[in-house]
Amino acid sequence: MIKRNISLAIATASMGLSNIASAAEFEISITNLTAGVYFTPVIVSAHSPEVAMFQAGHEASTQLQSIAEGGDVSGMAALLESVGASVGTSDGLLAPGATTTVTVNSSDTNTVLSLASMLLPTNDGFLGLNSVSLPDSMGTTARYYARGYDAGTEANDELVGSGAPGEAGFPAPPPVVASGTGTGGTGVPGNAEGFITVHRGVLGDLDPNGGHSDINAAIHRWNNPVASISITMVGGDSANGPSTVADLSGQVYSSSAVEIFWQAAVSNDSVVTGYEVRRNGDLVASLDGLSYFDDGLRAGTEYTYNVRAIDANGNAGEYQSVSLRTNAN
């Protein structure tokens, strides 16, 4: 179940977000920091601070149990959407060292972000990030590290099983088996905790055809944190900040030099103090003028320039873009 008014810690997670746009778009990048653990599809949600996807020390909901034991995010997605949250999910398994990106929208009420994904191979371990603050201006990024949690819904016997909620054992899809998962283990003794805890990691063993565990200790052992998360505001209503720059255009001078030009932006509640210029996504200039000259470029190459205004309050307008191709030699 989604808990309302569950704790002061979560209720205050949105402090300082009064400037967040009434409708904003965020890109969330999730990087798997483990050496041998896979993430099932990640569910990401922008939601009200009055609800929570999970909370350590409390019993897991049936929807979280489905994620932690079998990687099924559909129930949690439906539940979150029923209370007005915005939800996005990634595709497929996320391999060790890999990164995936999910896009979600926020509103003036959905001001915090949570995510979850099953950790494979574990019985009921999950990647979790709980009600963290969203960035409050265009182009800015918030970065977090995410822990592995134990849902407490299943004993950690570390044996291959169906992965269905309420049934012992963890699922072992082909990429996980190929990473070195064993068979024939007798099982690690223990009971389900009954509440969500920070995961203690797996034990494993080195016997692929027996021992106490079907998890390879040399490959699948892990420590917290298990993921790095970056959240970037990439679009939205900039009514409280600068307008977009007008009449962005450019001139090609040679095979290595171009110049771009724009008209001044205005800010509704402050003054525009400068402009940021990006070339092919990389920040190349911060200036207070209305043009940017760029040289040392490659011949016969197309470059995309993005320009946005910044005001005295630190608010940023939306990017405008123009593409130019340098002359051939």
C-alpha atoms as a PDB file:
ATOM      1  CA  MET A   1       0.000   0.000   0.000  1.00  0.00           C
ATOM      2  CA  ILE A   2       1.018   3.600  -0.489  1.00  0.00           C
ATOM      3  CA  LYS A   3       1.317   5.247   2.918  1.00  0.00           C
ATOM      4  CA  ARG A   4       0.092   8.807   3.482  1.00  0.00           C
ATOM      5  CA  ASN A   5       1.687  11.190   6.006  1.00  0.00           C
ATOM      6  CA  ILE A   6       4.087   8.416   6.885  1.00  0.00           C
ATOM      7  CA  SER A   7       6.911  10.361   8.496  1.00  0.00           C
ATOM      8  CA  LEU A   8       8.405  13.784   9.017  1.00  0.00           C
ATOM      9  CA  ALA A   9      11.496  12.741   7.040  1.00  0.00           C
ATOM     10  CA  ILE A  10       9.506  12.114   3.891  1.00  0.00           C
ATOM     11  CA  ALA A  11       7.026  14.915   4.479  1.00  0.00           C
ATOM     12  CA  THR A  12       9.880  17.429   4.445  1.00  0.00           C
ATOM     13  CA  ALA A  13      11.627  15.993   1.391  1.00  0.00           C
ATOM     14  CA  SER A  14      10.159  18.726  -0.832  1.00  0.00           C
ATOM     15  CA  MET A  15      11.368  21.698   1.215  1.00  0.00           C
ATOM     16  CA  GLY A  16      12.893  24.396  -0.965  1.00  0.00           C
ATOM     17  CA  LEU A  17      10.960  23.337  -4.062  1.00  0.00           C
ATOM     18  CA  SER A  18       8.520  26.240  -4.204  1.00  0.00           C
ATOM     19  CA  ASN A  19      10.153  27.428  -7.433  1.00  0.00           C
ATOM     20  CA  ILE A  20       9.680  24.115  -9.240  1.00  0.00           C
ATOM     21  CA  ALA A  21       7.764  24.566 -12.469  1.00  0.00           C
ATOM     22  CA  SER A  22       4.064  23.742 -12.483  1.00  0.00           C
ATOM     23  CA  ALA A  23       4.798  21.228 -15.231  1.00  0.00           C
ATOM     24  CA  ALA A  24       8.343  20.003 -15.704  1.00  0.00           C
ATOM     25  CA  GLU A  25      10.051  17.124 -17.498  1.00  0.00           C
ATOM     26  CA  PHE A  26      12.930  15.172 -15.962  1.00  0.00           C
ATOM     27  CA  GLU A  27      15.452  12.684 -17.319  1.00  0.00           C
ATOM     28  CA  ILE A  28      16.568  10.110 -14.756  1.00  0.00           C
ATOM     29  CA  SER A  29      19.765   8.179 -15.515  1.00  0.00           C
ATOM     30  CA  ILE A  30      20.397   5.003 -13.507  1.00  0.00           C
ATOM     31  CA  THR A  31      23.880   3.433 -13.563  1.00  0.00           C
ATOM     32  CA  ASN A  32      24.455  -0.084 -12.205  1.00  0.00           C
ATOM     33  CA  LEU A  33      27.535   0.168  -9.949  1.00  0.00           C
ATOM     34  CA  THR A  34      27.808  -3.535  -9.170  1.00  0.00           C
ATOM     35  CA  ALA A  35      30.257  -5.988 -10.727  1.00  0.00           C
ATOM     36  CA  GLY A  36      27.854  -8.913 -11.125  1.00  0.00           C
ATOM     37  CA  VAL A  37      24.251  -7.986 -10.287  1.00  0.00           C
ATOM     38  CA  TYR A  38      21.476  -7.254 -12.797  1.00  0.00           C
ATOM     39  CA  PHE A  39      18.577  -4.830 -12.308  1.00  0.00           C
ATOM     40  CA  THR A  40      15.120  -5.784 -13.577  1.00  0.00           C
ATOM     41  CA  PRO A  41      13.122  -2.984 -15.305  1.00  0.00           C
ATOM     42  CA  VAL A  42      13.272   0.112 -13.092  1.00  0.00           C
ATOM     43  CA  ILE A  43      10.072   1.927 -12.119  1.00  0.00           C
ATOM     44  CA  VAL A  44      10.552   5.678 -11.591  1.00  0.00           C
ATOM     45  CA  SER A  45       7.873   7.980 -10.191  1.00  0.00           C
ATOM     46  CA  ALA A  46       7.464  11.702  -9.487  1.00  0.00           C
ATOM     47  CA  HIS A  47       4.863  11.889  -6.737  1.00  0.00           C
ATOM     48  CA  SER A  48       3.540  13.865  -3.799  1.00  0.00           C
ATOM     49  CA  PRO A  49       5.650  13.808  -0.613  1.00  0.00           C
ATOM     50  CA  GLU A  50       2.510  12.570   1.153  1.00  0.00           C
ATOM     51  CA  VAL A  51       2.847   9.129  -0.456  1.00  0.00           C
ATOM     52  CA  ALA A  52       5.753   6.677  -0.548  1.00  0.00           C
ATOM     53  CA  MET A  53       6.738   3.758  -2.753  1.00  0.00           C
ATOM     54  CA  PHE A  54       8.371   2.115   0.268  1.00  0.00           C
ATOM     55  CA  GLN A  55       9.741   2.926   3.719  1.00  0.00           C
ATOM     56  CA  ALA A  56      12.481   1.101   5.611  1.00  0.00           C
ATOM     57  CA  GLY A  57      11.229  -0.395   8.874  1.00  0.00           C
ATOM     58  CA  HIS A  58       7.706  -0.895   7.521  1.00  0.00           C
ATOM     59  CA  GLU A  59       6.056  -3.925   5.962  1.00  0.00           C
ATOM     60  CA  ALA A  60       6.362  -4.081   2.185  1.00  0.00           C
ATOM     61  CA  SER A  61       3.210  -3.619   0.131  1.00  0.00           C
ATOM     62  CA  THR A  62       2.074  -6.407  -2.168  1.00  0.00           C
ATOM     63  CA  GLN A  63       3.093  -4.181  -5.090  1.00  0.00           C
ATOM     64  CA  LEU A  64       6.630  -3.801  -3.732  1.00  0.00           C
ATOM     65  CA  GLN A  65       6.773  -7.539  -3.035  1.00  0.00           C
ATOM     66  CA  SER A  66       6.040  -8.184  -6.725  1.00  0.00           C
ATOM     67  CA  ILE A  67       8.993  -5.964  -7.660  1.00  0.00           C
ATOM     68  CA  ALA A  68      11.417  -7.375  -5.079  1.00  0.00           C
ATOM     69  CA  GLU A  69      10.642 -11.064  -5.684  1.00  0.00           C
ATOM     70  CA  GLY A  70       9.968 -11.130  -9.418  1.00  0.00           C
ATOM     71  CA  GLY A  71      10.697  -7.740 -11.000  1.00  0.00           C
ATOM     72  CA  ASP A  72       7.026  -7.039 -11.852  1.00  0.00           C
ATOM     73  CA  VAL A  73       6.408  -3.258 -11.750  1.00  0.00           C
ATOM     74  CA  SER A  74       2.875  -3.236 -13.186  1.00  0.00           C
ATOM     75  CA  GLY A  75       1.030  -3.275  -9.853  1.00  0.00           C
ATOM     76  CA  MET A  76       3.135  -0.464  -8.398  1.00  0.00           C
ATOM     77  CA  ALA A  77       2.724   1.589 -11.580  1.00  0.00           C
ATOM     78  CA  ALA A  78      -1.081   1.262 -11.444  1.00  0.00           C
ATOM     79  CA  LEU A  79      -1.175   2.139  -7.749  1.00  0.00           C
ATOM     80  CA  LEU A  80       0.983   5.238  -8.144  1.00  0.00           C
ATOM     81  CA  GLU A  81      -0.969   6.453 -11.156  1.00  0.00           C
ATOM     82  CA  SER A  82      -4.212   6.028  -9.189  1.00  0.00           C
ATOM     83  CA  VAL A  83      -3.030   8.741  -6.758  1.00  0.00           C
ATOM     84  CA  GLY A  84      -1.911  11.117  -9.511  1.00  0.00           C
ATOM     85  CA  ALA A  85       1.791  10.248  -9.654  1.00  0.00           C
ATOM     86  CA  SER A  86       3.779  10.317 -12.887  1.00  0.00           C
ATOM     87  CA  VAL A  87       5.406   6.973 -13.727  1.00  0.00           C
ATOM     88  CA  GLY A  88       8.068   5.782 -16.170  1.00  0.00           C
ATOM     89  CA  THR A  89       9.835   2.435 -16.569  1.00  0.00           C
ATOM     90  CA  SER A  90      13.008   1.190 -18.235  1.00  0.00           C
ATOM     91  CA  ASP A  91      13.206  -1.822 -20.580  1.00  0.00           C
ATOM     92  CA  GLY A  92      14.908  -5.162 -20.027  1.00  0.00           C
ATOM     93  CA  LEU A  93      17.673  -6.089 -17.608  1.00  0.00           C
ATOM     94  CA  LEU A  94      20.305  -3.502 -16.719  1.00  0.00           C
ATOM     95  CA  ALA A  95      23.705  -5.187 -16.774  1.00  0.00           C
ATOM     96  CA  PRO A  96      26.599  -4.413 -14.410  1.00  0.00           C
ATOM     97  CA  GLY A  97      28.213  -1.107 -15.388  1.00  0.00           C
ATOM     98  CA  ALA A  98      25.396  -0.164 -17.760  1.00  0.00           C
ATOM     99  CA  THR A  99      23.177   2.936 -17.696  1.00  0.00           C
ATOM    100  CA  THR A 100      19.523   3.418 -18.604  1.00  0.00           C
ATOM    101  CA  THR A 101      17.464   6.622 -18.829  1.00  0.00           C
ATOM    102  CA  VAL A 102      13.789   7.114 -17.924  1.00  0.00           C
ATOM    103  CA  THR A 103      11.725  10.280 -18.478  1.00  0.00           C
ATOM    104  CA  VAL A 104       8.945  11.432 -16.123  1.00  0.00           C
ATOM    105  CA  ASN A 105       6.936  14.626 -15.643  1.00  0.00           C
ATOM    106  CA  SER A 106       6.239  16.485 -12.428  1.00  0.00           C
ATOM    107  CA  SER A 107       3.665  19.018 -11.279  1.00  0.00           C
ATOM    108  CA  ASP A 108       3.283  21.481  -8.432  1.00  0.00           C
ATOM    109  CA  THR A 109       2.128  18.568  -6.234  1.00  0.00           C
ATOM    110  CA  ASN A 110       4.460  15.805  -7.500  1.00  0.00           C
ATOM    111  CA  THR A 111       7.680  17.272  -6.166  1.00  0.00           C
ATOM    112  CA  VAL A 112       9.706  14.222  -5.067  1.00  0.00           C
ATOM    113  CA  LEU A 113      11.011  11.157  -6.880  1.00  0.00           C
ATOM    114  CA  SER A 114      11.268   7.465  -5.984  1.00  0.00           C
ATOM    115  CA  LEU A 115      12.406   4.379  -7.893  1.00  0.00           C
ATOM    116  CA  ALA A 116      12.702   0.627  -7.414  1.00  0.00           C
ATOM    117  CA  SER A 117      13.968  -2.460  -9.240  1.00  0.00           C
ATOM    118  CA  MET A 118      14.712  -6.080  -8.297  1.00  0.00           C
ATOM    119  CA  LEU A 119      18.353  -7.065  -7.761  1.00  0.00           C
ATOM    120  CA  LEU A 120      19.289 -10.339  -9.467  1.00  0.00           C
ATOM    121  CA  PRO A 121      20.337 -12.741  -8.100  1.00  0.00           C
ATOM    122  CA  THR A 122      18.629 -12.140  -4.725  1.00  0.00           C
ATOM    123  CA  ASN A 123      15.476 -13.566  -3.183  1.00  0.00           C
ATOM    124  CA  ASP A 124      13.737 -10.266  -2.438  1.00  0.00           C
ATOM    125  CA  GLY A 125      16.399  -7.607  -2.765  1.00  0.00           C
ATOM    126  CA  PHE A 126      15.624  -4.375  -4.578  1.00  0.00           C
ATOM    127  CA  LEU A 127      17.309  -1.179  -5.671  1.00  0.00           C
ATOM    128  CA  GLY A 128      15.548   1.706  -3.940  1.00  0.00           C
ATOM    129  CA  LEU A 129      15.526   5.497  -3.872  1.00  0.00           C
ATOM    130  CA  ASN A 130      12.885   7.029  -1.630  1.00  0.00           C
ATOM    131  CA  SER A 131      11.265  10.478  -2.027  1.00  0.00           C
ATOM    132  CA  VAL A 132      14.334  12.526  -3.004  1.00  0.00           C
ATOM    133  CA  SER A 133      14.196  16.166  -4.091  1.00  0.00           C
ATOM    134  CA  LEU A 134      13.814  17.076  -7.756  1.00  0.00           C
ATOM    135  CA  PRO A 135      15.965  19.820  -9.337  1.00  0.00           C
ATOM    136  CA  ASP A 136      14.227  23.201  -9.353  1.00  0.00           C
ATOM    137  CA  SER A 137      15.583  24.895 -12.483  1.00  0.00           C
ATOM    138  CA  MET A 138      16.032  24.028 -16.136  1.00  0.00           C
ATOM    139  CA  GLY A 139      19.191  22.140 -17.032  1.00  0.00           C
ATOM    140  CA  THR A 140      20.239  21.501 -13.425  1.00  0.00           C
ATOM    141  CA  THR A 141      21.041  17.998 -12.166  1.00  0.00           C
ATOM    142  CA  ALA A 142      20.621  16.340  -8.765  1.00  0.00           C
ATOM    143  CA  ARG A 143      22.783  13.282  -8.070  1.00  0.00           C
ATOM    144  CA  TYR A 144      22.166  10.481  -5.596  1.00  0.00           C
ATOM    145  CA  TYR A 145      23.521   7.059  -4.676  1.00  0.00           C
ATOM    146  CA  ALA A 146      20.936   4.309  -4.205  1.00  0.00           C
ATOM    147  CA  ARG A 147      21.085   1.358  -1.806  1.00  0.00           C
ATOM    148  CA  GLY A 148      19.981  -2.215  -2.102  1.00  0.00           C
ATOM    149  CA  TYR A 149      17.100  -3.032   0.260  1.00  0.00           C
ATOM    150  CA  ASP A 150      15.592  -6.313   1.460  1.00  0.00           C
ATOM    151  CA  ALA A 151      11.797  -6.356   1.180  1.00  0.00           C
ATOM    152  CA  GLY A 152      11.574  -8.793   4.105  1.00  0.00           C
ATOM    153  CA  THR A 153       8.882 -10.812   2.313  1.00  0.00           C
ATOM    154  CA  GLU A 154      10.925 -13.970   1.651  1.00  0.00           C
ATOM    155  CA  ALA A 155      13.673 -15.906   3.403  1.00  0.00           C
ATOM    156  CA  ASN A 156      17.036 -15.397   1.702  1.00  0.00           C
ATOM    157  CA  ASP A 157      17.655 -19.068   0.887  1.00  0.00           C
ATOM    158  CA  GLU A 158      19.681 -18.063  -2.219  1.00  0.00           C
ATOM    159  CA  LEU A 159      18.188 -20.848  -4.352  1.00  0.00           C
ATOM    160  CA  VAL A 160      16.913 -20.588  -7.918  1.00  0.00           C
ATOM    161  CA  GLY A 161      13.098 -20.613  -7.974  1.00  0.00           C
ATOM    162  CA  SER A 162      10.088 -19.253  -9.814  1.00  0.00           C
ATOM    163  CA  GLY A 163      10.295 -15.631  -8.691  1.00  0.00           C
ATOM    164  CA  ALA A 164       6.541 -15.555  -8.119  1.00  0.00           C
ATOM    165  CA  PRO A 165       5.467 -13.591  -5.023  1.00  0.00           C
ATOM    166  CA  GLY A 166       5.007 -15.944  -2.099  1.00  0.00           C
ATOM    167  CA  GLU A 167       7.084 -18.725  -3.676  1.00  0.00           C
ATOM    168  CA  ALA A 168      10.610 -19.428  -2.481  1.00  0.00           C
ATOM    169  CA  GLY A 169      13.634 -18.822  -4.683  1.00  0.00           C
ATOM    170  CA  PHE A 170      14.838 -16.173  -7.097  1.00  0.00           C
ATOM    171  CA  PRO A 171      14.255 -16.048 -10.874  1.00  0.00           C
ATOM    172  CA  ALA A 172      17.278 -16.763 -13.066  1.00  0.00           C
ATOM    173  CA  PRO A 173      16.795 -15.463 -16.632  1.00  0.00           C
ATOM    174  CA  PRO A 174      19.484 -16.377 -19.192  1.00  0.00           C
ATOM    175  CA  PRO A 175      21.846 -13.406 -18.605  1.00  0.00           C
ATOM    176  CA  VAL A 176      21.902 -14.146 -14.873  1.00  0.00           C
ATOM    177  CA  VAL A 177      22.507 -17.876 -15.402  1.00  0.00           C
ATOM    178  CA  ALA A 178      25.275 -17.055 -17.880  1.00  0.00           C
ATOM    179  CA  SER A 179      26.975 -14.916 -15.231  1.00  0.00           C
ATOM    180  CA  GLY A 180      27.652 -18.026 -13.150  1.00  0.00           C
ATOM    181  CA  THR A 181      24.535 -18.939 -11.153  1.00  0.00           C
ATOM    182  CA  GLY A 182      24.707 -22.510  -9.804  1.00  0.00           C
ATOM    183  CA  THR A 183      22.187 -25.268  -9.031  1.00  0.00           C
ATOM    184  CA  GLY A 184      21.702 -27.922  -6.383  1.00  0.00           C
ATOM    185  CA  GLY A 185      22.253 -25.772  -3.313  1.00  0.00           C
ATOM    186  CA  THR A 186      20.788 -26.892   0.009  1.00  0.00           C
ATOM    187  CA  GLY A 187      19.678 -23.378   0.919  1.00  0.00           C
ATOM    188  CA  VAL A 188      20.848 -20.729   3.358  1.00  0.00           C
ATOM    189  CA  PRO A 189      18.829 -21.121   6.596  1.00  0.00           C
ATOM    190  CA  GLY A 190      16.755 -18.206   7.850  1.00  0.00           C
ATOM    191  CA  ASN A 191      13.351 -16.551   7.892  1.00  0.00           C
ATOM    192  CA  ALA A 192      11.783 -13.535   6.217  1.00  0.00           C
ATOM    193  CA  GLU A 193      12.342 -10.375   8.260  1.00  0.00           C
ATOM    194  CA  GLY A 194       8.763  -9.180   7.815  1.00  0.00           C
ATOM    195  CA  PHE A 195       9.781  -5.556   7.170  1.00  0.00           C
ATOM    196  CA  ILE A 196      11.991  -3.584   4.780  1.00  0.00           C
ATOM    197  CA  THR A 197      15.662  -3.344   5.784  1.00  0.00           C
ATOM    198  CA  VAL A 198      18.907  -2.247   4.167  1.00  0.00           C
ATOM    199  CA  HIS A 199      20.142  -5.398   2.422  1.00  0.00           C
ATOM    200  CA  ARG A 200      23.112  -7.156   4.003  1.00  0.00           C
ATOM    201  CA  GLY A 201      24.248  -8.589   0.664  1.00  0.00           C
ATOM    202  CA  VAL A 202      24.355 -12.229  -0.386  1.00  0.00           C
ATOM    203  CA  LEU A 203      26.571 -15.036   0.950  1.00  0.00           C
ATOM    204  CA  GLY A 204      26.953 -17.311  -2.066  1.00  0.00           C
ATOM    205  CA  ASP A 205      29.505 -20.105  -2.376  1.00  0.00           C
ATOM    206  CA  LEU A 206      31.950 -21.432  -4.960  1.00  0.00           C
ATOM    207  CA  ASP A 207      30.210 -24.770  -5.696  1.00  0.00           C
ATOM    208  CA  PRO A 208      28.271 -24.541  -8.991  1.00  0.00           C
ATOM    209  CA  ASN A 209      26.495 -27.880  -8.416  1.00  0.00           C
ATOM    210  CA  GLY A 210      25.837 -27.892  -4.673  1.00  0.00           C
ATOM    211  CA  GLY A 211      26.846 -26.109  -1.508  1.00  0.00           C
ATOM    212  CA  HIS A 212      24.419 -23.989   0.466  1.00  0.00           C
ATOM    213  CA  SER A 213      23.714 -21.369  -2.246  1.00  0.00           C
ATOM    214  CA  ASP A 214      23.046 -21.129  -5.989  1.00  0.00           C
ATOM    215  CA  ILE A 215      24.733 -17.709  -6.015  1.00  0.00           C
ATOM    216  CA  ASN A 216      28.381 -17.460  -7.055  1.00  0.00           C
ATOM    217  CA  ALA A 217      30.217 -15.685  -4.239  1.00  0.00           C
ATOM    218  CA  ALA A 218      33.083 -14.687  -6.540  1.00  0.00           C
ATOM    219  CA  ILE A 219      30.767 -12.904  -8.978  1.00  0.00           C
ATOM    220  CA  HIS A 220      27.568 -11.847  -7.273  1.00  0.00           C
ATOM    221  CA  ARG A 221      28.681 -10.491  -3.898  1.00  0.00           C
ATOM    222  CA  TRP A 222      27.989  -6.748  -3.601  1.00  0.00           C
ATOM    223  CA  ASN A 223      28.080  -3.834  -1.199  1.00  0.00           C
ATOM    224  CA  ASN A 224      26.030  -0.639  -0.978  1.00  0.00           C
ATOM    225  CA  PRO A 225      25.490   1.630  -2.787  1.00  0.00           C
ATOM    226  CA  VAL A 226      24.426  -0.339  -5.864  1.00  0.00           C
ATOM    227  CA  ALA A 227      23.517   2.494  -8.247  1.00  0.00           C
ATOM    228  CA  SER A 228      24.198   6.119  -9.043  1.00  0.00           C
ATOM    229  CA  ILE A 229      21.229   8.249 -10.046  1.00  0.00           C
ATOM    230  CA  SER A 230      21.220  11.593 -11.851  1.00  0.00           C
ATOM    231  CA  ILE A 231      18.020  13.618 -12.267  1.00  0.00           C
ATOM    232  CA  THR A 232      18.024  16.499 -14.773  1.00  0.00           C
ATOM    233  CA  MET A 233      15.227  18.960 -15.518  1.00  0.00           C
ATOM    234  CA  VAL A 234      15.075  19.048 -19.309  1.00  0.00           C
ATOM    235  CA  GLY A 235      11.817  20.864 -20.023  1.00  0.00           C
ATOM    236  CA  GLY A 236       8.786  22.565 -18.589  1.00  0.00           C
ATOM    237  CA  ASP A 237       6.950  25.783 -17.855  1.00  0.00           C
ATOM    238  CA  SER A 238       9.459  28.585 -17.254  1.00  0.00           C
ATOM    239  CA  ALA A 239       6.876  31.210 -16.224  1.00  0.00           C
ATOM    240  CA  ASN A 240       8.908  32.082 -13.131  1.00  0.00           C
ATOM    241  CA  GLY A 241      12.172  32.453 -15.031  1.00  0.00           C
ATOM    242  CA  PRO A 242      13.558  33.921 -18.245  1.00  0.00           C
ATOM    243  CA  SER A 243      11.831  33.655 -21.571  1.00  0.00           C
ATOM    244  CA  THR A 244      13.476  31.787 -24.414  1.00  0.00           C
ATOM    245  CA  VAL A 245      15.920  33.704 -26.574  1.00  0.00           C
ATOM    246  CA  ALA A 246      14.399  34.969 -29.817  1.00  0.00           C
ATOM    247  CA  ASP A 247      15.604  34.837 -33.425  1.00  0.00           C
ATOM    248  CA  LEU A 248      18.458  32.410 -32.810  1.00  0.00           C
ATOM    249  CA  SER A 249      20.399  32.132 -36.065  1.00  0.00           C
ATOM    250  CA  GLY A 250      23.921  31.605 -37.310  1.00  0.00           C
ATOM    251  CA  GLN A 251      26.516  32.393 -39.942  1.00  0.00           C
ATOM    252  CA  VAL A 252      29.161  30.038 -41.354  1.00  0.00           C
ATOM    253  CA  TYR A 253      32.412  31.860 -42.106  1.00  0.00           C
ATOM    254  CA  SER A 254      34.759  29.080 -43.174  1.00  0.00           C
ATOM    255  CA  SER A 255      35.616  25.416 -42.753  1.00  0.00           C
ATOM    256  CA  SER A 256      36.481  26.035 -39.090  1.00  0.00           C
ATOM    257  CA  ALA A 257      34.528  29.098 -37.868  1.00  0.00           C
ATOM    258  CA  VAL A 258      30.883  30.000 -37.280  1.00  0.00           C
ATOM    259  CA  GLU A 259      28.973  32.583 -35.260  1.00  0.00           C
ATOM    260  CA  ILE A 260      25.505  32.454 -33.704  1.00  0.00           C
ATOM    261  CA  PHE A 261      23.249  35.405 -32.834  1.00  0.00           C
ATOM    262  CA  TRP A 262      20.078  35.902 -30.779  1.00  0.00           C
ATOM    263  CA  GLN A 263      17.770  38.543 -29.358  1.00  0.00           C
ATOM    264  CA  ALA A 264      17.656  39.308 -25.630  1.00  0.00           C
ATOM    265  CA  ALA A 265      15.410  37.292 -23.324  1.00  0.00           C
ATOM    266  CA  VAL A 266      13.391  38.805 -20.474  1.00  0.00           C
ATOM    267  CA  SER A 267      12.588  37.542 -16.973  1.00  0.00           C
ATOM    268  CA  ASN A 268       9.184  37.970 -15.362  1.00  0.00           C
ATOM    269  CA  ASP A 269      10.441  38.306 -11.799  1.00  0.00           C
ATOM    270  CA  SER A 270      14.104  39.344 -12.149  1.00  0.00           C
ATOM    271  CA  VAL A 271      16.654  40.523 -14.718  1.00  0.00           C
ATOM    272  CA  VAL A 272      18.533  38.417 -17.250  1.00  0.00           C
ATOM    273  CA  THR A 273      22.209  38.338 -16.302  1.00  0.00           C
ATOM    274  CA  GLY A 274      23.673  36.112 -19.017  1.00  0.00           C
ATOM    275  CA  TYR A 275      23.381  33.275 -21.481  1.00  0.00           C
ATOM    276  CA  GLU A 276      24.665  29.697 -21.630  1.00  0.00           C
ATOM    277  CA  VAL A 277      25.787  28.246 -24.948  1.00  0.00           C
ATOM    278  CA  ARG A 278      26.125  24.519 -25.597  1.00  0.00           C
ATOM    279  CA  ARG A 279      27.704  22.895 -28.624  1.00  0.00           C
ATOM    280  CA  ASN A 280      26.482  19.333 -29.289  1.00  0.00           C
ATOM    281  CA  GLY A 281      25.369  19.171 -25.655  1.00  0.00           C
ATOM    282  CA  ASP A 282      28.609  20.436 -24.081  1.00  0.00           C
ATOM    283  CA  LEU A 283      28.730  23.803 -22.316  1.00  0.00           C
ATOM    284  CA  VAL A 284      31.157  26.011 -24.263  1.00  0.00           C
ATOM    285  CA  ALA A 285      30.366  29.539 -23.023  1.00  0.00           C
ATOM    286  CA  SER A 286      28.633  31.618 -20.354  1.00  0.00           C
ATOM    287  CA  LEU A 287      28.411  35.249 -21.463  1.00  0.00           C
ATOM    288  CA  ASP A 288      26.333  38.411 -21.240  1.00  0.00           C
ATOM    289  CA  GLY A 289      26.352  39.283 -24.939  1.00  0.00           C
ATOM    290  CA  LEU A 290      23.999  38.345 -27.759  1.00  0.00           C
ATOM    291  CA  SER A 291      26.370  36.389 -29.991  1.00  0.00           C
ATOM    292  CA  TYR A 292      28.998  33.667 -29.805  1.00  0.00           C
ATOM    293  CA  PHE A 293      31.916  33.170 -32.211  1.00  0.00           C
ATOM    294  CA  ASP A 294      33.259  29.613 -32.419  1.00  0.00           C
ATOM    295  CA  ASP A 295      36.387  28.546 -34.268  1.00  0.00           C
ATOM    296  CA  GLY A 296      38.737  25.574 -34.422  1.00  0.00           C
ATOM    297  CA  LEU A 297      35.923  23.410 -35.759  1.00  0.00           C
ATOM    298  CA  ARG A 298      36.130  20.483 -38.162  1.00  0.00           C
ATOM    299  CA  ALA A 299      35.517  21.032 -41.850  1.00  0.00           C
ATOM    300  CA  GLY A 300      32.285  19.768 -43.354  1.00  0.00           C
ATOM    301  CA  THR A 301      30.786  19.005 -39.943  1.00  0.00           C
ATOM    302  CA  GLU A 302      27.353  19.862 -38.569  1.00  0.00           C
ATOM    303  CA  TYR A 303      27.201  21.420 -35.114  1.00  0.00           C
ATOM    304  CA  THR A 304      24.095  22.039 -33.002  1.00  0.00           C
ATOM    305  CA  TYR A 305      24.128  25.041 -30.669  1.00  0.00           C
ATOM    306  CA  ASN A 306      21.709  25.495 -27.750  1.00  0.00           C
ATOM    307  CA  VAL A 307      21.280  28.848 -26.008  1.00  0.00           C
ATOM    308  CA  ARG A 308      19.310  29.722 -22.874  1.00  0.00           C
ATOM    309  CA  ALA A 309      19.045  32.753 -20.601  1.00  0.00           C
ATOM    310  CA  ILE A 310      19.883  32.874 -16.877  1.00  0.00           C
ATOM    311  CA  ASP A 311      18.395  35.471 -14.522  1.00  0.00           C
ATOM    312  CA  ALA A 312      19.644  37.022 -11.272  1.00  0.00           C
ATOM    313  CA  ASN A 313      17.681  34.477  -9.212  1.00  0.00           C
ATOM    314  CA  GLY A 314      19.488  31.610 -10.885  1.00  0.00           C
ATOM    315  CA  ASN A 315      16.451  30.545 -12.914  1.00  0.00           C
ATOM    316  CA  ALA A 316      17.074  29.295 -16.434  1.00  0.00           C
ATOM    317  CA  GLY A 317      14.955  29.590 -19.549  1.00  0.00           C
ATOM    318  CA  GLU A 318      14.395  26.821 -22.046  1.00  0.00           C
ATOM    319  CA  TYR A 319      17.050  26.082 -24.637  1.00  0.00           C
ATOM    320  CA  GLN A 320      16.631  27.218 -28.233  1.00  0.00           C
ATOM    321  CA  SER A 321      18.711  25.473 -30.892  1.00  0.00           C
ATOM    322  CA  VAL A 322      20.253  26.092 -34.290  1.00  0.00           C
ATOM    323  CA  SER A 323      22.390  23.791 -36.446  1.00  0.00           C
ATOM    324  CA  LEU A 324      25.224  24.921 -38.735  1.00  0.00           C
ATOM    325  CA  ARG A 325      27.538  22.977 -41.047  1.00  0.00           C
ATOM    326  CA  THR A 326      31.056  24.239 -41.593  1.00  0.00           C
ATOM    327  CA  ASN A 327      32.375  24.571 -45.146  1.00  0.00           C
ATOM    328  CA  ALA A 328      34.258  21.685 -46.697  1.00  0.00           C
ATOM    329  CA  ASN A 329      37.985  22.146 -47.235  1.00  0.00           C
END
